[in-house]
Amino acid sequence: MGPSLGRGAAVAARRGRRADPREVRRGLRAADRGDVLTTRAIDATVQLPVSAETAFRYLSDPRNRPEWQSSLLSVAVPPDEEPHLGQTWSETTAVGVRPHLETTVFTPFRDWAETGHWRGVTATLALHFTDVPGGCRVHATGEISGQGAWAVPAGAAGLMASRAIAADLRKAGRIMASRT
Protein backbone atom coordinates (compact mmCIF):
# COMPACT_ATOMS: atom_id res chain seq x y z
CA MET A 1 0.00 0.00 0.00
CA GLY A 2 1.83 3.10 -1.21
CA PRO A 3 5.46 3.53 -2.14
CA SER A 4 8.25 2.01 -0.10
CA LEU A 5 9.91 4.67 2.03
CA GLY A 6 13.05 2.61 2.54
CA ARG A 7 12.69 2.21 6.27
CA GLY A 8 11.07 -0.31 8.51
CA ALA A 9 7.77 0.05 10.28
CA ALA A 10 7.61 2.22 13.38
CA VAL A 11 8.11 0.22 16.55
CA ALA A 12 6.12 0.44 19.75
CA ALA A 13 7.71 2.29 22.62
CA ARG A 14 9.55 0.14 25.12
CA ARG A 15 9.05 0.65 28.82
CA GLY A 16 10.24 4.10 29.81
CA ARG A 17 10.86 5.25 26.21
CA ARG A 18 9.03 7.43 23.72
CA ALA A 19 7.18 6.05 20.74
CA ASP A 20 9.01 6.08 17.43
CA PRO A 21 9.41 9.77 16.48
CA ARG A 22 8.77 9.27 12.75
CA GLU A 23 5.64 10.90 11.34
CA VAL A 24 2.70 9.01 9.98
CA ARG A 25 2.80 9.30 6.20
CA ARG A 26 0.57 12.12 4.88
CA GLY A 27 -2.38 11.24 2.67
CA LEU A 28 -3.83 8.53 4.85
CA ARG A 29 -6.33 10.90 6.36
CA ALA A 30 -8.47 13.72 5.03
CA ALA A 31 -6.93 17.21 5.10
CA ASP A 32 -8.80 18.00 8.33
CA ARG A 33 -7.15 14.97 9.98
CA GLY A 34 -10.56 13.31 10.09
CA ASP A 35 -11.50 9.88 8.85
CA VAL A 36 -10.12 8.35 5.70
CA LEU A 37 -11.82 9.83 2.64
CA THR A 38 -12.16 8.28 -0.82
CA THR A 39 -13.46 10.13 -3.87
CA ARG A 40 -13.95 8.67 -7.37
CA ALA A 41 -14.79 10.73 -10.44
CA ILE A 42 -17.61 9.83 -12.83
CA ASP A 43 -17.40 10.66 -16.53
CA ALA A 44 -19.46 9.15 -19.35
CA THR A 45 -20.77 10.40 -22.69
CA VAL A 46 -23.49 8.71 -24.76
CA GLN A 47 -25.40 9.50 -27.93
CA LEU A 48 -29.16 9.01 -27.69
CA PRO A 49 -31.59 8.67 -30.63
CA VAL A 50 -33.94 11.37 -29.25
CA SER A 51 -33.81 15.16 -28.94
CA ALA A 52 -32.21 16.87 -25.95
CA GLU A 53 -35.68 18.07 -24.92
CA THR A 54 -37.08 14.52 -24.89
CA ALA A 55 -34.03 13.15 -23.04
CA PHE A 56 -34.08 15.96 -20.49
CA ARG A 57 -37.79 15.53 -19.74
CA TYR A 58 -37.40 11.76 -19.25
CA LEU A 59 -34.08 11.68 -17.36
CA SER A 60 -34.87 14.58 -15.00
CA ASP A 61 -38.03 12.90 -13.68
CA PRO A 62 -37.13 10.64 -10.73
CA ARG A 63 -40.31 8.59 -11.25
CA ASN A 64 -38.81 7.19 -14.49
CA ARG A 65 -35.56 6.03 -12.88
CA PRO A 66 -36.53 2.48 -11.86
CA GLU A 67 -37.37 1.85 -15.52
CA TRP A 68 -33.89 2.66 -16.84
CA GLN A 69 -31.48 2.63 -13.88
CA SER A 70 -30.37 -0.97 -13.38
CA SER A 71 -29.54 -0.68 -9.67
CA LEU A 72 -32.89 0.84 -8.62
CA LEU A 73 -35.92 -0.95 -7.22
CA SER A 74 -38.12 2.04 -6.36
CA VAL A 75 -38.31 5.80 -5.97
CA ALA A 76 -40.38 7.69 -3.40
CA VAL A 77 -41.59 10.99 -4.88
CA PRO A 78 -45.11 12.43 -4.88
CA PRO A 79 -46.89 11.17 -8.03
CA ASP A 80 -48.23 14.57 -9.08
CA GLU A 81 -45.00 16.52 -8.50
CA GLU A 82 -43.32 17.81 -11.65
CA PRO A 83 -39.50 17.83 -11.77
CA HIS A 84 -38.04 21.14 -10.54
CA LEU A 85 -35.00 22.72 -8.92
CA GLY A 86 -34.87 21.67 -5.27
CA GLN A 87 -37.00 18.56 -5.78
CA THR A 88 -36.20 15.86 -3.20
CA TRP A 89 -36.84 12.12 -3.25
CA SER A 90 -35.50 8.87 -1.87
CA GLU A 91 -34.59 5.65 -3.64
CA THR A 92 -34.25 1.99 -2.76
CA THR A 93 -31.48 0.14 -4.56
CA ALA A 94 -31.03 -3.55 -5.26
CA VAL A 95 -28.30 -3.74 -2.59
CA GLY A 96 -30.43 -2.08 0.09
CA VAL A 97 -28.93 1.41 -0.08
CA ARG A 98 -31.60 4.10 0.47
CA PRO A 99 -30.15 7.48 -0.49
CA HIS A 100 -31.92 10.81 -0.20
CA LEU A 101 -31.46 12.99 -3.29
CA GLU A 102 -32.06 16.56 -4.37
CA THR A 103 -32.06 18.27 -7.76
CA THR A 104 -29.36 20.96 -7.58
CA VAL A 105 -29.34 22.19 -11.21
CA PHE A 106 -32.38 22.39 -13.47
CA THR A 107 -31.89 24.26 -16.75
CA PRO A 108 -34.52 22.82 -19.11
CA PHE A 109 -33.21 20.84 -22.05
CA ARG A 110 -29.57 21.72 -21.21
CA ASP A 111 -28.36 20.87 -17.70
CA TRP A 112 -29.59 18.82 -14.76
CA ALA A 113 -27.76 17.73 -11.58
CA GLU A 114 -28.43 15.94 -8.31
CA THR A 115 -26.73 15.32 -5.00
CA GLY A 116 -27.41 12.22 -2.94
CA HIS A 117 -26.48 11.18 0.59
CA TRP A 118 -26.59 7.86 2.40
CA ARG A 119 -24.75 7.30 5.67
CA GLY A 120 -21.09 8.19 5.00
CA VAL A 121 -21.46 8.28 1.21
CA THR A 122 -22.16 11.35 -0.92
CA ALA A 123 -22.65 11.26 -4.68
CA THR A 124 -23.17 13.95 -7.29
CA LEU A 125 -24.29 13.50 -10.87
CA ALA A 126 -24.64 16.16 -13.56
CA LEU A 127 -26.10 15.61 -17.02
CA HIS A 128 -25.38 18.03 -19.88
CA PHE A 129 -27.61 17.69 -22.97
CA THR A 130 -26.55 18.77 -26.48
CA ASP A 131 -28.61 18.32 -29.66
CA VAL A 132 -26.65 16.59 -32.43
CA PRO A 133 -27.77 15.29 -35.85
CA GLY A 134 -30.03 12.28 -35.27
CA GLY A 135 -30.53 12.84 -31.53
CA CYS A 136 -28.58 14.26 -28.62
CA ARG A 137 -25.38 13.77 -26.67
CA VAL A 138 -25.58 13.37 -22.89
CA HIS A 139 -22.40 13.99 -20.94
CA ALA A 140 -22.55 12.69 -17.35
CA THR A 141 -20.05 13.87 -14.74
CA GLY A 142 -19.89 13.62 -10.98
CA GLU A 143 -18.22 11.89 -8.09
CA ILE A 144 -18.78 9.41 -5.32
CA SER A 145 -17.17 10.09 -1.93
CA GLY A 146 -17.06 7.95 1.17
CA GLN A 147 -15.86 8.83 4.62
CA GLY A 148 -14.65 6.58 7.41
CA ALA A 149 -15.96 3.03 7.16
CA TRP A 150 -17.82 4.06 3.98
CA ALA A 151 -14.64 5.00 2.08
CA VAL A 152 -14.04 1.48 0.75
CA PRO A 153 -17.60 0.78 -0.50
CA ALA A 154 -17.77 4.27 -2.07
CA GLY A 155 -14.44 3.71 -3.78
CA ALA A 156 -15.58 0.34 -5.13
CA ALA A 157 -18.86 1.81 -6.39
CA GLY A 158 -16.96 4.67 -7.98
CA LEU A 159 -14.77 2.27 -9.97
CA MET A 160 -17.83 0.91 -11.78
CA ALA A 161 -19.96 4.06 -11.86
CA SER A 162 -18.90 5.57 -15.20
CA ARG A 163 -19.57 2.36 -17.13
CA ALA A 164 -22.81 1.67 -15.26
CA ILE A 165 -24.13 5.19 -15.89
CA ALA A 166 -23.26 4.96 -19.59
CA ALA A 167 -25.08 1.60 -19.85
CA ASP A 168 -28.11 2.96 -17.98
CA LEU A 169 -28.27 6.06 -20.21
CA ARG A 170 -28.11 3.90 -23.34
CA LYS A 171 -31.00 1.81 -21.94
CA ALA A 172 -32.96 5.03 -21.30
CA GLY A 173 -32.29 6.01 -24.93
CA ARG A 174 -33.71 2.71 -26.19
CA ILE A 175 -36.81 3.14 -24.00
CA MET A 176 -37.37 6.72 -25.21
CA ALA A 177 -36.82 5.76 -28.86
CA SER A 178 -39.38 2.94 -28.61
CA ARG A 179 -42.01 5.45 -27.46
CA THR A 180 -41.61 7.96 -30.28
C-alpha atoms as a PDB file:
ATOM      1  CA  MET A   1       0.000   0.000   0.000  1.00  0.00           C
ATOM      2  CA  GLY A   2       1.830   3.103  -1.206  1.00  0.00           C
ATOM      3  CA  PRO A   3       5.456   3.534  -2.139  1.00  0.00           C
ATOM      4  CA  SER A   4       8.248   2.013  -0.102  1.00  0.00           C
ATOM      5  CA  LEU A   5       9.914   4.673   2.026  1.00  0.00           C
ATOM      6  CA  GLY A   6      13.053   2.611   2.536  1.00  0.00           C
ATOM      7  CA  ARG A   7      12.690   2.208   6.270  1.00  0.00           C
ATOM      8  CA  GLY A   8      11.069  -0.315   8.511  1.00  0.00           C
ATOM      9  CA  ALA A   9       7.774   0.051  10.282  1.00  0.00           C
ATOM     10  CA  ALA A  10       7.615   2.218  13.382  1.00  0.00           C
ATOM     11  CA  VAL A  11       8.109   0.218  16.545  1.00  0.00           C
ATOM     12  CA  ALA A  12       6.117   0.438  19.746  1.00  0.00           C
ATOM     13  CA  ALA A  13       7.713   2.286  22.624  1.00  0.00           C
ATOM     14  CA  ARG A  14       9.552   0.142  25.123  1.00  0.00           C
ATOM     15  CA  ARG A  15       9.053   0.650  28.822  1.00  0.00           C
ATOM     16  CA  GLY A  16      10.238   4.098  29.808  1.00  0.00           C
ATOM     17  CA  ARG A  17      10.855   5.247  26.214  1.00  0.00           C
ATOM     18  CA  ARG A  18       9.027   7.430  23.719  1.00  0.00           C
ATOM     19  CA  ALA A  19       7.180   6.049  20.742  1.00  0.00           C
ATOM     20  CA  ASP A  20       9.013   6.079  17.432  1.00  0.00           C
ATOM     21  CA  PRO A  21       9.412   9.765  16.479  1.00  0.00           C
ATOM     22  CA  ARG A  22       8.766   9.265  12.745  1.00  0.00           C
ATOM     23  CA  GLU A  23       5.641  10.903  11.343  1.00  0.00           C
ATOM     24  CA  VAL A  24       2.697   9.009   9.976  1.00  0.00           C
ATOM     25  CA  ARG A  25       2.803   9.304   6.200  1.00  0.00           C
ATOM     26  CA  ARG A  26       0.567  12.118   4.881  1.00  0.00           C
ATOM     27  CA  GLY A  27      -2.378  11.242   2.666  1.00  0.00           C
ATOM     28  CA  LEU A  28      -3.829   8.526   4.853  1.00  0.00           C
ATOM     29  CA  ARG A  29      -6.333  10.903   6.364  1.00  0.00           C
ATOM     30  CA  ALA A  30      -8.468  13.724   5.032  1.00  0.00           C
ATOM     31  CA  ALA A  31      -6.931  17.212   5.098  1.00  0.00           C
ATOM     32  CA  ASP A  32      -8.799  18.003   8.330  1.00  0.00           C
ATOM     33  CA  ARG A  33      -7.147  14.973   9.982  1.00  0.00           C
ATOM     34  CA  GLY A  34     -10.560  13.308  10.094  1.00  0.00           C
ATOM     35  CA  ASP A  35     -11.495   9.876   8.850  1.00  0.00           C
ATOM     36  CA  VAL A  36     -10.116   8.354   5.701  1.00  0.00           C
ATOM     37  CA  LEU A  37     -11.825   9.828   2.639  1.00  0.00           C
ATOM     38  CA  THR A  38     -12.156   8.275  -0.825  1.00  0.00           C
ATOM     39  CA  THR A  39     -13.455  10.128  -3.871  1.00  0.00           C
ATOM     40  CA  ARG A  40     -13.952   8.673  -7.368  1.00  0.00           C
ATOM     41  CA  ALA A  41     -14.788  10.730 -10.438  1.00  0.00           C
ATOM     42  CA  ILE A  42     -17.605   9.829 -12.831  1.00  0.00           C
ATOM     43  CA  ASP A  43     -17.404  10.658 -16.532  1.00  0.00           C
ATOM     44  CA  ALA A  44     -19.458   9.154 -19.353  1.00  0.00           C
ATOM     45  CA  THR A  45     -20.775  10.397 -22.690  1.00  0.00           C
ATOM     46  CA  VAL A  46     -23.493   8.707 -24.755  1.00  0.00           C
ATOM     47  CA  GLN A  47     -25.398   9.502 -27.933  1.00  0.00           C
ATOM     48  CA  LEU A  48     -29.159   9.007 -27.694  1.00  0.00           C
ATOM     49  CA  PRO A  49     -31.589   8.667 -30.631  1.00  0.00           C
ATOM     50  CA  VAL A  50     -33.939  11.372 -29.254  1.00  0.00           C
ATOM     51  CA  SER A  51     -33.814  15.159 -28.936  1.00  0.00           C
ATOM     52  CA  ALA A  52     -32.210  16.874 -25.949  1.00  0.00           C
ATOM     53  CA  GLU A  53     -35.678  18.067 -24.919  1.00  0.00           C
ATOM     54  CA  THR A  54     -37.082  14.516 -24.886  1.00  0.00           C
ATOM     55  CA  ALA A  55     -34.027  13.146 -23.041  1.00  0.00           C
ATOM     56  CA  PHE A  56     -34.081  15.960 -20.486  1.00  0.00           C
ATOM     57  CA  ARG A  57     -37.790  15.526 -19.739  1.00  0.00           C
ATOM     58  CA  TYR A  58     -37.402  11.762 -19.253  1.00  0.00           C
ATOM     59  CA  LEU A  59     -34.080  11.678 -17.358  1.00  0.00           C
ATOM     60  CA  SER A  60     -34.870  14.584 -14.999  1.00  0.00           C
ATOM     61  CA  ASP A  61     -38.029  12.905 -13.683  1.00  0.00           C
ATOM     62  CA  PRO A  62     -37.125  10.637 -10.730  1.00  0.00           C
ATOM     63  CA  ARG A  63     -40.313   8.591 -11.254  1.00  0.00           C
ATOM     64  CA  ASN A  64     -38.808   7.187 -14.490  1.00  0.00           C
ATOM     65  CA  ARG A  65     -35.564   6.027 -12.882  1.00  0.00           C
ATOM     66  CA  PRO A  66     -36.530   2.480 -11.856  1.00  0.00           C
ATOM     67  CA  GLU A  67     -37.371   1.853 -15.516  1.00  0.00           C
ATOM     68  CA  TRP A  68     -33.894   2.658 -16.842  1.00  0.00           C
ATOM     69  CA  GLN A  69     -31.482   2.629 -13.881  1.00  0.00           C
ATOM     70  CA  SER A  70     -30.373  -0.968 -13.375  1.00  0.00           C
ATOM     71  CA  SER A  71     -29.543  -0.677  -9.666  1.00  0.00           C
ATOM     72  CA  LEU A  72     -32.895   0.837  -8.621  1.00  0.00           C
ATOM     73  CA  LEU A  73     -35.922  -0.953  -7.218  1.00  0.00           C
ATOM     74  CA  SER A  74     -38.117   2.038  -6.357  1.00  0.00           C
ATOM     75  CA  VAL A  75     -38.313   5.800  -5.969  1.00  0.00           C
ATOM     76  CA  ALA A  76     -40.383   7.694  -3.398  1.00  0.00           C
ATOM     77  CA  VAL A  77     -41.591  10.988  -4.884  1.00  0.00           C
ATOM     78  CA  PRO A  78     -45.115  12.434  -4.876  1.00  0.00           C
ATOM     79  CA  PRO A  79     -46.893  11.166  -8.028  1.00  0.00           C
ATOM     80  CA  ASP A  80     -48.234  14.570  -9.081  1.00  0.00           C
ATOM     81  CA  GLU A  81     -44.996  16.523  -8.495  1.00  0.00           C
ATOM     82  CA  GLU A  82     -43.323  17.806 -11.648  1.00  0.00           C
ATOM     83  CA  PRO A  83     -39.495  17.833 -11.775  1.00  0.00           C
ATOM     84  CA  HIS A  84     -38.044  21.142 -10.539  1.00  0.00           C
ATOM     85  CA  LEU A  85     -35.003  22.720  -8.916  1.00  0.00           C
ATOM     86  CA  GLY A  86     -34.865  21.667  -5.266  1.00  0.00           C
ATOM     87  CA  GLN A  87     -36.995  18.557  -5.776  1.00  0.00           C
ATOM     88  CA  THR A  88     -36.204  15.857  -3.205  1.00  0.00           C
ATOM     89  CA  TRP A  89     -36.840  12.123  -3.250  1.00  0.00           C
ATOM     90  CA  SER A  90     -35.498   8.866  -1.873  1.00  0.00           C
ATOM     91  CA  GLU A  91     -34.592   5.655  -3.643  1.00  0.00           C
ATOM     92  CA  THR A  92     -34.254   1.993  -2.760  1.00  0.00           C
ATOM     93  CA  THR A  93     -31.482   0.144  -4.561  1.00  0.00           C
ATOM     94  CA  ALA A  94     -31.034  -3.545  -5.260  1.00  0.00           C
ATOM     95  CA  VAL A  95     -28.298  -3.743  -2.595  1.00  0.00           C
ATOM     96  CA  GLY A  96     -30.425  -2.076   0.093  1.00  0.00           C
ATOM     97  CA  VAL A  97     -28.926   1.410  -0.080  1.00  0.00           C
ATOM     98  CA  ARG A  98     -31.595   4.102   0.471  1.00  0.00           C
ATOM     99  CA  PRO A  99     -30.151   7.475  -0.490  1.00  0.00           C
ATOM    100  CA  HIS A 100     -31.924  10.815  -0.202  1.00  0.00           C
ATOM    101  CA  LEU A 101     -31.465  12.986  -3.286  1.00  0.00           C
ATOM    102  CA  GLU A 102     -32.061  16.564  -4.375  1.00  0.00           C
ATOM    103  CA  THR A 103     -32.062  18.269  -7.764  1.00  0.00           C
ATOM    104  CA  THR A 104     -29.359  20.961  -7.582  1.00  0.00           C
ATOM    105  CA  VAL A 105     -29.343  22.188 -11.209  1.00  0.00           C
ATOM    106  CA  PHE A 106     -32.382  22.391 -13.475  1.00  0.00           C
ATOM    107  CA  THR A 107     -31.885  24.255 -16.751  1.00  0.00           C
ATOM    108  CA  PRO A 108     -34.524  22.817 -19.109  1.00  0.00           C
ATOM    109  CA  PHE A 109     -33.208  20.841 -22.048  1.00  0.00           C
ATOM    110  CA  ARG A 110     -29.571  21.723 -21.215  1.00  0.00           C
ATOM    111  CA  ASP A 111     -28.355  20.866 -17.701  1.00  0.00           C
ATOM    112  CA  TRP A 112     -29.592  18.815 -14.758  1.00  0.00           C
ATOM    113  CA  ALA A 113     -27.761  17.725 -11.584  1.00  0.00           C
ATOM    114  CA  GLU A 114     -28.431  15.941  -8.311  1.00  0.00           C
ATOM    115  CA  THR A 115     -26.726  15.318  -4.997  1.00  0.00           C
ATOM    116  CA  GLY A 116     -27.407  12.222  -2.937  1.00  0.00           C
ATOM    117  CA  HIS A 117     -26.479  11.181   0.593  1.00  0.00           C
ATOM    118  CA  TRP A 118     -26.586   7.862   2.398  1.00  0.00           C
ATOM    119  CA  ARG A 119     -24.753   7.302   5.674  1.00  0.00           C
ATOM    120  CA  GLY A 120     -21.086   8.185   5.001  1.00  0.00           C
ATOM    121  CA  VAL A 121     -21.465   8.279   1.209  1.00  0.00           C
ATOM    122  CA  THR A 122     -22.164  11.353  -0.918  1.00  0.00           C
ATOM    123  CA  ALA A 123     -22.647  11.259  -4.680  1.00  0.00           C
ATOM    124  CA  THR A 124     -23.170  13.945  -7.289  1.00  0.00           C
ATOM    125  CA  LEU A 125     -24.289  13.500 -10.870  1.00  0.00           C
ATOM    126  CA  ALA A 126     -24.643  16.161 -13.556  1.00  0.00           C
ATOM    127  CA  LEU A 127     -26.098  15.606 -17.024  1.00  0.00           C
ATOM    128  CA  HIS A 128     -25.382  18.027 -19.879  1.00  0.00           C
ATOM    129  CA  PHE A 129     -27.610  17.690 -22.975  1.00  0.00           C
ATOM    130  CA  THR A 130     -26.554  18.767 -26.484  1.00  0.00           C
ATOM    131  CA  ASP A 131     -28.610  18.316 -29.656  1.00  0.00           C
ATOM    132  CA  VAL A 132     -26.655  16.588 -32.435  1.00  0.00           C
ATOM    133  CA  PRO A 133     -27.770  15.294 -35.846  1.00  0.00           C
ATOM    134  CA  GLY A 134     -30.025  12.281 -35.269  1.00  0.00           C
ATOM    135  CA  GLY A 135     -30.532  12.843 -31.535  1.00  0.00           C
ATOM    136  CA  CYS A 136     -28.582  14.256 -28.617  1.00  0.00           C
ATOM    137  CA  ARG A 137     -25.384  13.766 -26.670  1.00  0.00           C
ATOM    138  CA  VAL A 138     -25.584  13.367 -22.892  1.00  0.00           C
ATOM    139  CA  HIS A 139     -22.396  13.989 -20.935  1.00  0.00           C
ATOM    140  CA  ALA A 140     -22.550  12.690 -17.350  1.00  0.00           C
ATOM    141  CA  THR A 141     -20.052  13.870 -14.739  1.00  0.00           C
ATOM    142  CA  GLY A 142     -19.891  13.620 -10.977  1.00  0.00           C
ATOM    143  CA  GLU A 143     -18.216  11.887  -8.093  1.00  0.00           C
ATOM    144  CA  ILE A 144     -18.783   9.410  -5.317  1.00  0.00           C
ATOM    145  CA  SER A 145     -17.169  10.087  -1.934  1.00  0.00           C
ATOM    146  CA  GLY A 146     -17.059   7.954   1.168  1.00  0.00           C
ATOM    147  CA  GLN A 147     -15.862   8.828   4.618  1.00  0.00           C
ATOM    148  CA  GLY A 148     -14.645   6.579   7.407  1.00  0.00           C
ATOM    149  CA  ALA A 149     -15.958   3.035   7.156  1.00  0.00           C
ATOM    150  CA  TRP A 150     -17.820   4.063   3.978  1.00  0.00           C
ATOM    151  CA  ALA A 151     -14.641   5.001   2.076  1.00  0.00           C
ATOM    152  CA  VAL A 152     -14.042   1.475   0.752  1.00  0.00           C
ATOM    153  CA  PRO A 153     -17.600   0.784  -0.504  1.00  0.00           C
ATOM    154  CA  ALA A 154     -17.768   4.273  -2.068  1.00  0.00           C
ATOM    155  CA  GLY A 155     -14.442   3.709  -3.783  1.00  0.00           C
ATOM    156  CA  ALA A 156     -15.577   0.340  -5.132  1.00  0.00           C
ATOM    157  CA  ALA A 157     -18.863   1.813  -6.390  1.00  0.00           C
ATOM    158  CA  GLY A 158     -16.962   4.667  -7.984  1.00  0.00           C
ATOM    159  CA  LEU A 159     -14.775   2.265  -9.966  1.00  0.00           C
ATOM    160  CA  MET A 160     -17.835   0.908 -11.778  1.00  0.00           C
ATOM    161  CA  ALA A 161     -19.957   4.063 -11.858  1.00  0.00           C
ATOM    162  CA  SER A 162     -18.902   5.574 -15.204  1.00  0.00           C
ATOM    163  CA  ARG A 163     -19.567   2.362 -17.131  1.00  0.00           C
ATOM    164  CA  ALA A 164     -22.811   1.665 -15.261  1.00  0.00           C
ATOM    165  CA  ILE A 165     -24.128   5.186 -15.886  1.00  0.00           C
ATOM    166  CA  ALA A 166     -23.264   4.960 -19.595  1.00  0.00           C
ATOM    167  CA  ALA A 167     -25.080   1.601 -19.855  1.00  0.00           C
ATOM    168  CA  ASP A 168     -28.107   2.959 -17.982  1.00  0.00           C
ATOM    169  CA  LEU A 169     -28.274   6.060 -20.209  1.00  0.00           C
ATOM    170  CA  ARG A 170     -28.111   3.899 -23.344  1.00  0.00           C
ATOM    171  CA  LYS A 171     -31.004   1.814 -21.939  1.00  0.00           C
ATOM    172  CA  ALA A 172     -32.964   5.026 -21.303  1.00  0.00           C
ATOM    173  CA  GLY A 173     -32.294   6.011 -24.926  1.00  0.00           C
ATOM    174  CA  ARG A 174     -33.714   2.714 -26.185  1.00  0.00           C
ATOM    175  CA  ILE A 175     -36.813   3.144 -24.003  1.00  0.00           C
ATOM    176  CA  MET A 176     -37.375   6.721 -25.207  1.00  0.00           C
ATOM    177  CA  ALA A 177     -36.818   5.759 -28.859  1.00  0.00           C
ATOM    178  CA  SER A 178     -39.376   2.941 -28.611  1.00  0.00           C
ATOM    179  CA  ARG A 179     -42.013   5.448 -27.457  1.00  0.00           C
ATOM    180  CA  THR A 180     -41.613   7.960 -30.277  1.00  0.00           C
END
